Amino acid sequence: MDLARIADLPLEPLAAAARFHGAVVPALPGDADLLLVFAPSDHTHREWRAAAVAALARAHAPRRINAVVSDNEAGIASALTYLSGADGLTGQYLPLDDAGAGTVLPSAA
């Protein structure tokens, strides 16, 4: 699975989406499955990013394309490892939580 870091997008969501589709998408690497890595941003970027990743995955099937949002290298590496082995997972936009999920409580039986 190739990794493509998406950087230097404008702060305004519409301008960021325009630059992503106009400049970034045409330059994405070849034929391998792909993990896009977006830098963290505010909530105004979530919808266009999720829609873009889903559309790319549909357009390039059976190639798998997913995205994560993080600036934590360990988190990105873990996501890459997981997604590389998750053969049926594509078109997902996954913000990573660097703070951790917290304690996992057992379910009541």
N, C-alpha and C. Protein backbone atom coordinates (compact mmCIF):
# COMPACT_ATOMS: atom_id res chain seq x y z
N MET A 1 0.86 -1.17 0.00
CA MET A 1 0.00 0.00 0.00
C MET A 1 0.90 1.23 0.00
N ASP A 2 0.68 2.11 -0.97
CA ASP A 2 1.42 3.36 -1.03
C ASP A 2 0.83 4.37 -0.05
N LEU A 3 1.67 5.29 0.39
CA LEU A 3 1.23 6.34 1.31
C LEU A 3 1.44 7.68 0.61
N ALA A 4 0.42 8.53 0.62
CA ALA A 4 0.52 9.86 0.01
C ALA A 4 0.10 10.90 1.04
N ARG A 5 1.03 11.76 1.39
CA ARG A 5 0.74 12.83 2.36
C ARG A 5 0.14 14.02 1.62
N ILE A 6 -0.98 14.48 2.14
CA ILE A 6 -1.68 15.61 1.54
C ILE A 6 -1.38 16.83 2.41
N ALA A 7 -0.64 17.78 1.87
CA ALA A 7 -0.20 18.94 2.65
C ALA A 7 -0.42 20.23 1.87
N ASP A 8 -0.29 21.31 2.59
CA ASP A 8 -0.33 22.65 2.00
C ASP A 8 -1.65 22.97 1.30
N LEU A 9 -2.75 22.48 1.85
CA LEU A 9 -4.05 22.86 1.32
C LEU A 9 -4.50 24.16 2.00
N PRO A 10 -5.30 24.97 1.32
CA PRO A 10 -5.80 26.21 1.93
C PRO A 10 -6.65 25.92 3.17
N LEU A 11 -6.77 26.91 4.03
CA LEU A 11 -7.57 26.78 5.25
C LEU A 11 -9.07 26.77 4.96
N GLU A 12 -9.48 27.46 3.92
CA GLU A 12 -10.90 27.55 3.56
C GLU A 12 -11.31 26.24 2.87
N PRO A 13 -12.36 25.58 3.34
CA PRO A 13 -12.72 24.25 2.83
C PRO A 13 -12.95 24.17 1.32
N LEU A 14 -13.66 25.12 0.75
CA LEU A 14 -13.94 25.07 -0.69
C LEU A 14 -12.66 25.20 -1.51
N ALA A 15 -11.79 26.10 -1.09
CA ALA A 15 -10.50 26.27 -1.77
C ALA A 15 -9.63 25.03 -1.59
N ALA A 16 -9.67 24.42 -0.40
CA ALA A 16 -8.89 23.20 -0.16
C ALA A 16 -9.38 22.06 -1.04
N ALA A 17 -10.69 21.91 -1.15
CA ALA A 17 -11.25 20.85 -2.00
C ALA A 17 -10.88 21.08 -3.46
N ALA A 18 -10.94 22.33 -3.90
CA ALA A 18 -10.59 22.65 -5.29
C ALA A 18 -9.13 22.31 -5.58
N ARG A 19 -8.24 22.66 -4.68
CA ARG A 19 -6.82 22.35 -4.89
C ARG A 19 -6.59 20.84 -4.84
N PHE A 20 -7.27 20.15 -3.92
CA PHE A 20 -7.12 18.69 -3.83
C PHE A 20 -7.50 18.03 -5.15
N HIS A 21 -8.68 18.38 -5.66
CA HIS A 21 -9.15 17.75 -6.91
C HIS A 21 -8.37 18.22 -8.13
N GLY A 22 -7.94 19.47 -8.13
CA GLY A 22 -7.26 20.02 -9.30
C GLY A 22 -5.78 19.71 -9.37
N ALA A 23 -5.09 19.66 -8.24
CA ALA A 23 -3.64 19.49 -8.25
C ALA A 23 -3.17 18.19 -7.61
N VAL A 24 -3.81 17.76 -6.54
CA VAL A 24 -3.33 16.58 -5.81
C VAL A 24 -3.77 15.29 -6.49
N VAL A 25 -5.05 15.16 -6.79
CA VAL A 25 -5.56 13.91 -7.38
C VAL A 25 -4.82 13.52 -8.66
N PRO A 26 -4.58 14.45 -9.58
CA PRO A 26 -3.85 14.04 -10.80
C PRO A 26 -2.42 13.56 -10.53
N ALA A 27 -1.83 13.94 -9.40
CA ALA A 27 -0.45 13.57 -9.09
C ALA A 27 -0.35 12.36 -8.16
N LEU A 28 -1.47 11.74 -7.80
CA LEU A 28 -1.42 10.59 -6.89
C LEU A 28 -0.69 9.43 -7.56
N PRO A 29 0.03 8.64 -6.75
CA PRO A 29 0.81 7.54 -7.32
C PRO A 29 -0.05 6.44 -7.92
N GLY A 30 0.51 5.78 -8.91
CA GLY A 30 0.07 4.69 -9.73
C GLY A 30 -1.04 3.74 -9.40
N ASP A 31 -0.69 2.46 -9.42
CA ASP A 31 -1.69 1.41 -9.43
C ASP A 31 -1.84 0.65 -8.12
N ALA A 32 -1.03 0.92 -7.13
CA ALA A 32 -1.11 0.19 -5.86
C ALA A 32 -2.24 0.75 -5.00
N ASP A 33 -2.65 -0.04 -4.01
CA ASP A 33 -3.58 0.48 -3.00
C ASP A 33 -2.94 1.71 -2.37
N LEU A 34 -3.77 2.61 -1.85
CA LEU A 34 -3.27 3.91 -1.44
C LEU A 34 -3.86 4.35 -0.11
N LEU A 35 -3.01 4.88 0.76
CA LEU A 35 -3.45 5.52 1.99
C LEU A 35 -3.10 6.99 1.89
N LEU A 36 -4.13 7.84 1.89
CA LEU A 36 -3.93 9.28 1.92
C LEU A 36 -3.80 9.72 3.37
N VAL A 37 -2.88 10.60 3.66
CA VAL A 37 -2.69 11.12 5.01
C VAL A 37 -2.93 12.63 4.98
N PHE A 38 -4.05 13.03 5.55
CA PHE A 38 -4.38 14.45 5.66
C PHE A 38 -3.87 14.99 6.98
N ALA A 39 -3.44 16.24 6.97
CA ALA A 39 -3.08 16.92 8.22
C ALA A 39 -4.36 17.23 8.99
N PRO A 40 -4.27 17.27 10.31
CA PRO A 40 -5.46 17.64 11.10
C PRO A 40 -6.00 19.01 10.69
N SER A 41 -7.31 19.14 10.77
CA SER A 41 -7.98 20.41 10.44
C SER A 41 -9.26 20.48 11.27
N ASP A 42 -9.95 21.58 11.12
CA ASP A 42 -11.20 21.69 11.87
C ASP A 42 -12.32 20.91 11.17
N HIS A 43 -13.48 20.89 11.79
CA HIS A 43 -14.60 20.08 11.32
C HIS A 43 -15.11 20.49 9.93
N THR A 44 -14.79 21.68 9.48
CA THR A 44 -15.32 22.15 8.19
C THR A 44 -14.72 21.40 7.00
N HIS A 45 -13.67 20.62 7.21
CA HIS A 45 -13.04 19.88 6.12
C HIS A 45 -13.49 18.42 6.06
N ARG A 46 -14.20 17.95 7.07
CA ARG A 46 -14.55 16.53 7.15
C ARG A 46 -15.38 16.05 5.96
N GLU A 47 -16.43 16.77 5.62
CA GLU A 47 -17.36 16.29 4.59
C GLU A 47 -16.72 16.22 3.20
N TRP A 48 -15.99 17.26 2.79
CA TRP A 48 -15.41 17.19 1.45
C TRP A 48 -14.33 16.12 1.37
N ARG A 49 -13.57 15.94 2.46
CA ARG A 49 -12.54 14.91 2.45
C ARG A 49 -13.16 13.52 2.38
N ALA A 50 -14.16 13.26 3.20
CA ALA A 50 -14.82 11.95 3.20
C ALA A 50 -15.42 11.65 1.83
N ALA A 51 -16.07 12.64 1.24
CA ALA A 51 -16.68 12.45 -0.09
C ALA A 51 -15.61 12.20 -1.15
N ALA A 52 -14.51 12.91 -1.07
CA ALA A 52 -13.44 12.74 -2.05
C ALA A 52 -12.83 11.35 -1.98
N VAL A 53 -12.57 10.86 -0.77
CA VAL A 53 -11.98 9.53 -0.60
C VAL A 53 -12.94 8.45 -1.10
N ALA A 54 -14.21 8.59 -0.77
CA ALA A 54 -15.21 7.61 -1.24
C ALA A 54 -15.30 7.62 -2.77
N ALA A 55 -15.28 8.79 -3.37
CA ALA A 55 -15.37 8.89 -4.83
C ALA A 55 -14.13 8.31 -5.49
N LEU A 56 -12.96 8.58 -4.93
CA LEU A 56 -11.72 8.01 -5.49
C LEU A 56 -11.74 6.49 -5.42
N ALA A 57 -12.19 5.96 -4.29
CA ALA A 57 -12.24 4.50 -4.13
C ALA A 57 -13.18 3.86 -5.16
N ARG A 58 -14.34 4.49 -5.37
CA ARG A 58 -15.28 3.96 -6.37
C ARG A 58 -14.69 4.04 -7.77
N ALA A 59 -14.05 5.14 -8.08
CA ALA A 59 -13.52 5.35 -9.44
C ALA A 59 -12.34 4.44 -9.76
N HIS A 60 -11.61 4.00 -8.74
CA HIS A 60 -10.40 3.22 -8.99
C HIS A 60 -10.49 1.77 -8.51
N ALA A 61 -11.70 1.29 -8.22
CA ALA A 61 -11.88 -0.10 -7.80
C ALA A 61 -11.37 -1.02 -8.90
N PRO A 62 -10.76 -2.11 -8.57
CA PRO A 62 -10.65 -2.76 -7.27
C PRO A 62 -9.48 -2.25 -6.42
N ARG A 63 -8.77 -1.26 -6.89
CA ARG A 63 -7.73 -0.63 -6.08
C ARG A 63 -8.37 -0.07 -4.81
N ARG A 64 -7.74 -0.27 -3.66
CA ARG A 64 -8.29 0.24 -2.41
C ARG A 64 -7.67 1.59 -2.08
N ILE A 65 -8.52 2.57 -1.75
CA ILE A 65 -8.06 3.90 -1.37
C ILE A 65 -8.76 4.29 -0.08
N ASN A 66 -7.98 4.60 0.95
CA ASN A 66 -8.48 5.04 2.24
C ASN A 66 -7.71 6.28 2.66
N ALA A 67 -8.19 6.95 3.70
CA ALA A 67 -7.50 8.13 4.21
C ALA A 67 -7.53 8.15 5.72
N VAL A 68 -6.47 8.70 6.30
CA VAL A 68 -6.43 8.97 7.73
C VAL A 68 -6.12 10.45 7.92
N VAL A 69 -6.47 10.94 9.10
CA VAL A 69 -6.14 12.31 9.49
C VAL A 69 -5.30 12.23 10.74
N SER A 70 -4.04 12.67 10.64
CA SER A 70 -3.16 12.62 11.79
C SER A 70 -1.85 13.32 11.47
N ASP A 71 -1.17 13.76 12.52
CA ASP A 71 0.20 14.22 12.40
C ASP A 71 1.10 13.41 13.33
N ASN A 72 0.58 12.29 13.81
CA ASN A 72 1.32 11.39 14.70
C ASN A 72 1.88 10.24 13.88
N GLU A 73 3.21 10.19 13.75
CA GLU A 73 3.84 9.19 12.88
C GLU A 73 3.58 7.76 13.33
N ALA A 74 3.54 7.52 14.64
CA ALA A 74 3.27 6.16 15.13
C ALA A 74 1.84 5.75 14.77
N GLY A 75 0.90 6.66 14.90
CA GLY A 75 -0.48 6.37 14.54
C GLY A 75 -0.64 6.10 13.06
N ILE A 76 0.03 6.89 12.26
CA ILE A 76 -0.03 6.71 10.80
C ILE A 76 0.56 5.35 10.42
N ALA A 77 1.69 5.00 11.02
CA ALA A 77 2.32 3.70 10.74
C ALA A 77 1.42 2.54 11.15
N SER A 78 0.77 2.67 12.29
CA SER A 78 -0.16 1.62 12.74
C SER A 78 -1.34 1.49 11.79
N ALA A 79 -1.89 2.63 11.37
CA ALA A 79 -3.01 2.59 10.44
C ALA A 79 -2.60 1.96 9.11
N LEU A 80 -1.41 2.30 8.63
CA LEU A 80 -0.91 1.73 7.38
C LEU A 80 -0.79 0.21 7.49
N THR A 81 -0.25 -0.26 8.60
CA THR A 81 -0.12 -1.70 8.81
C THR A 81 -1.49 -2.37 8.82
N TYR A 82 -2.42 -1.80 9.58
CA TYR A 82 -3.76 -2.38 9.66
C TYR A 82 -4.45 -2.38 8.30
N LEU A 83 -4.47 -1.23 7.65
CA LEU A 83 -5.19 -1.12 6.38
C LEU A 83 -4.56 -1.95 5.27
N SER A 84 -3.26 -2.17 5.33
CA SER A 84 -2.60 -3.01 4.33
C SER A 84 -3.14 -4.43 4.36
N GLY A 85 -3.55 -4.89 5.54
CA GLY A 85 -4.07 -6.24 5.67
C GLY A 85 -5.57 -6.36 5.66
N ALA A 86 -6.26 -5.24 5.56
CA ALA A 86 -7.74 -5.24 5.58
C ALA A 86 -8.25 -5.19 4.15
N ASP A 87 -8.26 -6.35 3.51
CA ASP A 87 -8.52 -6.42 2.07
C ASP A 87 -9.87 -5.86 1.61
N GLY A 88 -10.87 -5.90 2.44
CA GLY A 88 -12.19 -5.42 2.02
C GLY A 88 -12.48 -3.98 2.36
N LEU A 89 -11.54 -3.30 2.98
CA LEU A 89 -11.77 -1.95 3.47
C LEU A 89 -11.29 -0.92 2.45
N THR A 90 -12.22 -0.10 1.95
CA THR A 90 -11.87 0.93 0.97
C THR A 90 -12.86 2.09 1.06
N GLY A 91 -12.41 3.26 0.67
CA GLY A 91 -13.27 4.43 0.65
C GLY A 91 -13.52 5.05 2.01
N GLN A 92 -12.68 4.73 3.00
CA GLN A 92 -12.91 5.20 4.36
C GLN A 92 -12.05 6.42 4.69
N TYR A 93 -12.62 7.33 5.47
CA TYR A 93 -11.94 8.53 5.97
C TYR A 93 -11.89 8.38 7.48
N LEU A 94 -10.69 8.19 8.03
CA LEU A 94 -10.55 7.81 9.43
C LEU A 94 -9.68 8.81 10.19
N PRO A 95 -10.30 9.73 10.94
CA PRO A 95 -9.52 10.60 11.81
C PRO A 95 -8.94 9.77 12.96
N LEU A 96 -7.64 9.85 13.17
CA LEU A 96 -7.00 9.09 14.23
C LEU A 96 -6.99 9.91 15.51
N ASP A 97 -7.22 9.24 16.64
CA ASP A 97 -7.27 9.88 17.94
C ASP A 97 -5.96 9.63 18.66
N ASP A 98 -5.09 10.62 18.70
CA ASP A 98 -3.78 10.46 19.33
C ASP A 98 -3.88 10.36 20.84
N ALA A 99 -5.02 10.74 21.41
CA ALA A 99 -5.18 10.67 22.86
C ALA A 99 -5.52 9.26 23.31
N GLY A 100 -5.89 8.39 22.41
CA GLY A 100 -6.25 7.03 22.78
C GLY A 100 -7.72 6.90 23.09
N ALA A 101 -8.20 5.70 23.02
CA ALA A 101 -9.63 5.45 23.23
C ALA A 101 -9.98 5.35 24.69
N GLY A 102 -9.00 5.22 25.55
CA GLY A 102 -9.29 5.07 26.97
C GLY A 102 -9.44 3.61 27.34
N THR A 103 -9.83 3.38 28.55
CA THR A 103 -9.99 2.03 29.06
C THR A 103 -11.15 1.32 28.39
N VAL A 104 -10.91 0.11 27.97
CA VAL A 104 -11.97 -0.69 27.37
C VAL A 104 -12.67 -1.47 28.48
N LEU A 105 -13.95 -1.28 28.59
CA LEU A 105 -14.73 -1.97 29.63
C LEU A 105 -15.35 -3.22 29.06
N PRO A 106 -15.36 -4.30 29.81
CA PRO A 106 -15.99 -5.53 29.31
C PRO A 106 -17.50 -5.33 29.22
N SER A 107 -18.09 -5.97 28.23
CA SER A 107 -19.55 -5.89 28.11
C SER A 107 -20.21 -6.78 29.16
N ALA A 108 -21.40 -6.42 29.55
CA ALA A 108 -22.15 -7.23 30.52
C ALA A 108 -22.61 -8.51 29.83
N ALA A 109 -22.42 -9.61 30.49
CA ALA A 109 -22.81 -10.89 29.88
C ALA A 109 -24.24 -11.23 30.19
